[in-house]
Amino acid sequence: MHVTNVRVLLSSFALAGGLLSGGRVLADHPAVPPPAALQPLAKLVGTWQGSAKISDKSGDKTVPVTFVYESTAGGSAIVERLFPGTPHEMMSVYTAEGDGLAMTHYCALGNHPKMVLKKSDARGLAFEMVKSDGLRSASEPHMHAMSVSWTDADHIREVWTSFEKGKANEEKVFELARKK
């Protein structure tokens, strides 16, 4: 076996041994407190169910939806799974960025637009894409903006705005209640 391969193999065993021995490799690093910017989203951790109005060739209809919020990376990121377990499952990851908040949406359209927090108040958060990060071209269809607002701890509303050819195309509105 080549010397480089042996070193890689031994390093892998050492890392695995450290992780398997009670996580001492990670325990040597102190926990970092979650960023203050993520606190409003951290309150959403859990499963949310509700409905969305959609339009198609047969007309308008209301469909049931599920969203799941999870905290990860020691509280430094919030993951939102939209339509989990369905062919249209998508994921958004929220992280602190400087003094602000950023979100990357991994979309069923095959792109991953990055949005930044544009507005924050006691009633909600509003994100908007500022560059074409995550797109092949600025004219391709993509989610361009998203807002989440809450009336109380157990009811939220998300509004997603899509763009196509550089212009607002449509809004998708989700009315959600915390699953208890």
Protein backbone atom coordinates (compact mmCIF):
# COMPACT_ATOMS: atom_id res chain seq x y z
CA MET A 1 0.00 0.00 0.00
CA HIS A 2 1.27 3.47 -0.86
CA VAL A 3 2.52 5.56 2.12
CA THR A 4 -0.02 8.35 1.45
CA ASN A 5 -2.89 5.85 1.48
CA VAL A 6 -1.66 4.41 4.78
CA ARG A 7 -1.54 7.91 6.33
CA VAL A 8 -5.08 8.68 5.14
CA LEU A 9 -6.30 5.34 6.48
CA LEU A 10 -4.65 5.87 9.87
CA SER A 11 -6.01 9.42 10.11
CA SER A 12 -9.51 8.14 9.34
CA PHE A 13 -9.23 5.51 12.08
CA ALA A 14 -7.99 8.11 14.56
CA LEU A 15 -10.87 10.48 13.79
CA ALA A 16 -13.44 7.68 13.92
CA GLY A 17 -11.98 6.47 17.21
CA GLY A 18 -12.25 9.95 18.69
CA LEU A 19 -15.85 10.33 17.59
CA LEU A 20 -16.79 6.87 18.78
CA SER A 21 -15.15 7.33 22.17
CA GLY A 22 -17.81 9.61 23.55
CA GLY A 23 -17.28 12.45 21.09
CA ARG A 24 -14.16 13.72 22.84
CA VAL A 25 -12.99 15.32 19.59
CA LEU A 26 -16.02 17.64 19.67
CA ALA A 27 -16.11 17.90 23.47
CA ASP A 28 -12.75 19.69 23.39
CA HIS A 29 -14.46 22.66 21.70
CA PRO A 30 -16.79 24.82 23.84
CA ALA A 31 -20.36 25.27 22.64
CA VAL A 32 -20.97 28.56 20.86
CA PRO A 33 -24.19 30.37 21.82
CA PRO A 34 -26.70 30.60 18.96
CA PRO A 35 -26.65 33.97 17.16
CA ALA A 36 -29.27 36.45 18.39
CA ALA A 37 -30.48 36.93 14.80
CA LEU A 38 -31.70 33.31 14.75
CA GLN A 39 -33.79 33.54 17.93
CA PRO A 40 -37.12 34.30 16.18
CA LEU A 41 -36.65 31.29 13.89
CA ALA A 42 -35.47 29.04 16.73
CA LYS A 43 -38.92 29.52 18.29
CA LEU A 44 -40.40 27.81 15.22
CA VAL A 45 -38.57 24.50 15.80
CA GLY A 46 -41.15 21.74 15.39
CA THR A 47 -43.72 20.54 12.89
CA TRP A 48 -46.23 22.89 11.30
CA GLN A 49 -49.28 21.89 9.28
CA GLY A 50 -51.75 23.88 7.28
CA SER A 51 -52.84 24.72 3.79
CA ALA A 52 -51.83 26.51 0.64
CA LYS A 53 -53.90 27.89 -2.19
CA ILE A 54 -52.64 26.77 -5.58
CA SER A 55 -53.79 27.41 -9.11
CA ASP A 56 -53.49 24.99 -11.99
CA LYS A 57 -55.31 24.19 -15.23
CA SER A 58 -58.34 22.92 -13.32
CA GLY A 59 -58.63 26.12 -11.25
CA ASP A 60 -57.88 27.21 -7.70
CA LYS A 61 -57.73 24.70 -4.86
CA THR A 62 -56.48 24.42 -1.30
CA VAL A 63 -53.99 21.66 -0.50
CA PRO A 64 -52.66 20.43 2.86
CA VAL A 65 -48.99 21.18 3.63
CA THR A 66 -46.40 20.34 6.27
CA PHE A 67 -43.26 22.30 7.16
CA VAL A 68 -40.63 21.16 9.69
CA TYR A 69 -38.15 23.48 11.42
CA GLU A 70 -35.03 21.99 13.04
CA SER A 71 -32.07 23.48 14.87
CA THR A 72 -28.65 22.14 13.81
CA ALA A 73 -24.92 22.86 14.07
CA GLY A 74 -25.08 23.69 17.76
CA GLY A 75 -27.93 26.15 17.20
CA SER A 76 -26.00 28.15 14.60
CA ALA A 77 -28.41 27.20 11.80
CA ILE A 78 -32.13 26.57 11.41
CA VAL A 79 -33.24 24.11 8.73
CA GLU A 80 -36.75 24.39 7.30
CA ARG A 81 -38.05 21.39 5.33
CA LEU A 82 -41.02 22.19 3.12
CA PHE A 83 -43.26 19.29 2.03
CA PRO A 84 -41.07 16.64 3.73
CA GLY A 85 -41.37 13.14 2.28
CA THR A 86 -42.99 14.31 -0.97
CA PRO A 87 -41.57 14.56 -4.49
CA HIS A 88 -41.53 18.38 -4.03
CA GLU A 89 -39.57 18.35 -0.76
CA MET A 90 -37.37 21.44 -0.44
CA MET A 91 -35.08 22.82 2.23
CA SER A 92 -34.11 26.27 3.41
CA VAL A 93 -31.15 26.89 5.72
CA TYR A 94 -31.06 30.05 7.84
CA THR A 95 -27.76 31.29 9.30
CA ALA A 96 -26.36 34.46 10.84
CA GLU A 97 -24.32 36.51 8.42
CA GLY A 98 -22.46 39.34 10.07
CA ASP A 99 -25.05 41.26 12.08
CA GLY A 100 -27.83 40.02 9.80
CA LEU A 101 -29.49 36.83 8.73
CA ALA A 102 -29.24 34.91 5.46
CA MET A 103 -31.21 32.03 3.97
CA THR A 104 -30.39 29.64 1.15
CA HIS A 105 -33.42 27.92 -0.37
CA TYR A 106 -32.71 24.53 -2.00
CA CYS A 107 -35.60 24.52 -4.45
CA ALA A 108 -37.44 21.86 -6.44
CA LEU A 109 -36.79 24.13 -9.44
CA GLY A 110 -33.19 22.89 -9.29
CA ASN A 111 -31.53 26.06 -8.03
CA HIS A 112 -30.62 27.46 -4.61
CA PRO A 113 -31.19 31.22 -4.35
CA LYS A 114 -29.62 33.02 -1.42
CA MET A 115 -31.72 35.65 0.33
CA VAL A 116 -30.89 38.12 3.09
CA LEU A 117 -33.03 39.58 5.83
CA LYS A 118 -34.49 42.87 4.60
CA LYS A 119 -37.00 43.58 7.35
CA SER A 120 -37.49 42.37 10.90
CA ASP A 121 -40.03 43.42 13.50
CA ALA A 122 -42.11 41.89 16.29
CA ARG A 123 -44.57 40.43 13.75
CA GLY A 124 -42.13 38.72 11.38
CA LEU A 125 -39.16 38.52 9.05
CA ALA A 126 -38.84 39.34 5.35
CA PHE A 127 -36.07 37.95 3.11
CA GLU A 128 -35.15 38.99 -0.41
CA MET A 129 -32.60 37.88 -2.96
CA VAL A 130 -30.06 40.64 -3.63
CA LYS A 131 -27.75 38.96 -6.17
CA SER A 132 -28.14 35.97 -8.41
CA ASP A 133 -26.25 33.67 -6.01
CA GLY A 134 -27.42 30.09 -6.57
CA LEU A 135 -28.83 30.66 -10.07
CA ARG A 136 -27.46 29.82 -13.51
CA SER A 137 -28.89 33.12 -14.79
CA ALA A 138 -30.91 35.94 -13.24
CA SER A 139 -33.78 35.29 -15.67
CA GLU A 140 -34.41 31.64 -14.72
CA PRO A 141 -37.50 30.88 -12.60
CA HIS A 142 -36.65 31.04 -8.89
CA MET A 143 -37.93 31.97 -5.46
CA HIS A 144 -36.93 35.58 -4.97
CA ALA A 145 -38.48 36.59 -1.65
CA MET A 146 -40.00 35.00 1.43
CA SER A 147 -41.66 36.37 4.52
CA VAL A 148 -42.76 34.64 7.69
CA SER A 149 -45.14 36.31 10.12
CA TRP A 150 -46.85 35.09 13.25
CA THR A 151 -50.06 35.98 14.98
CA ASP A 152 -49.14 33.95 18.05
CA ALA A 153 -46.69 31.20 19.12
CA ASP A 154 -48.72 28.51 17.33
CA HIS A 155 -49.77 30.17 14.04
CA ILE A 156 -47.55 31.44 11.22
CA ARG A 157 -47.99 32.58 7.64
CA GLU A 158 -45.32 32.21 4.97
CA VAL A 159 -45.47 34.05 1.65
CA TRP A 160 -43.06 32.97 -1.10
CA THR A 161 -42.63 35.16 -4.20
CA SER A 162 -41.29 33.60 -7.39
CA PHE A 163 -39.59 35.49 -10.20
CA GLU A 164 -39.29 34.55 -13.85
CA LYS A 165 -37.41 36.49 -16.53
CA GLY A 166 -36.45 39.10 -13.93
CA LYS A 167 -40.02 39.92 -12.83
CA ALA A 168 -42.34 38.86 -10.01
CA ASN A 169 -44.37 35.90 -11.21
CA GLU A 170 -46.62 34.67 -8.40
CA GLU A 171 -47.02 34.37 -4.64
CA LYS A 172 -47.61 31.16 -2.71
CA VAL A 173 -49.25 31.67 0.68
CA PHE A 174 -49.02 29.07 3.45
CA GLU A 175 -51.15 29.30 6.58
CA LEU A 176 -49.63 27.01 9.23
CA ALA A 177 -50.35 25.90 12.79
CA ARG A 178 -47.93 24.20 15.17
CA LYS A 179 -48.62 20.46 15.41
CA LYS A 180 -49.12 19.48 19.03
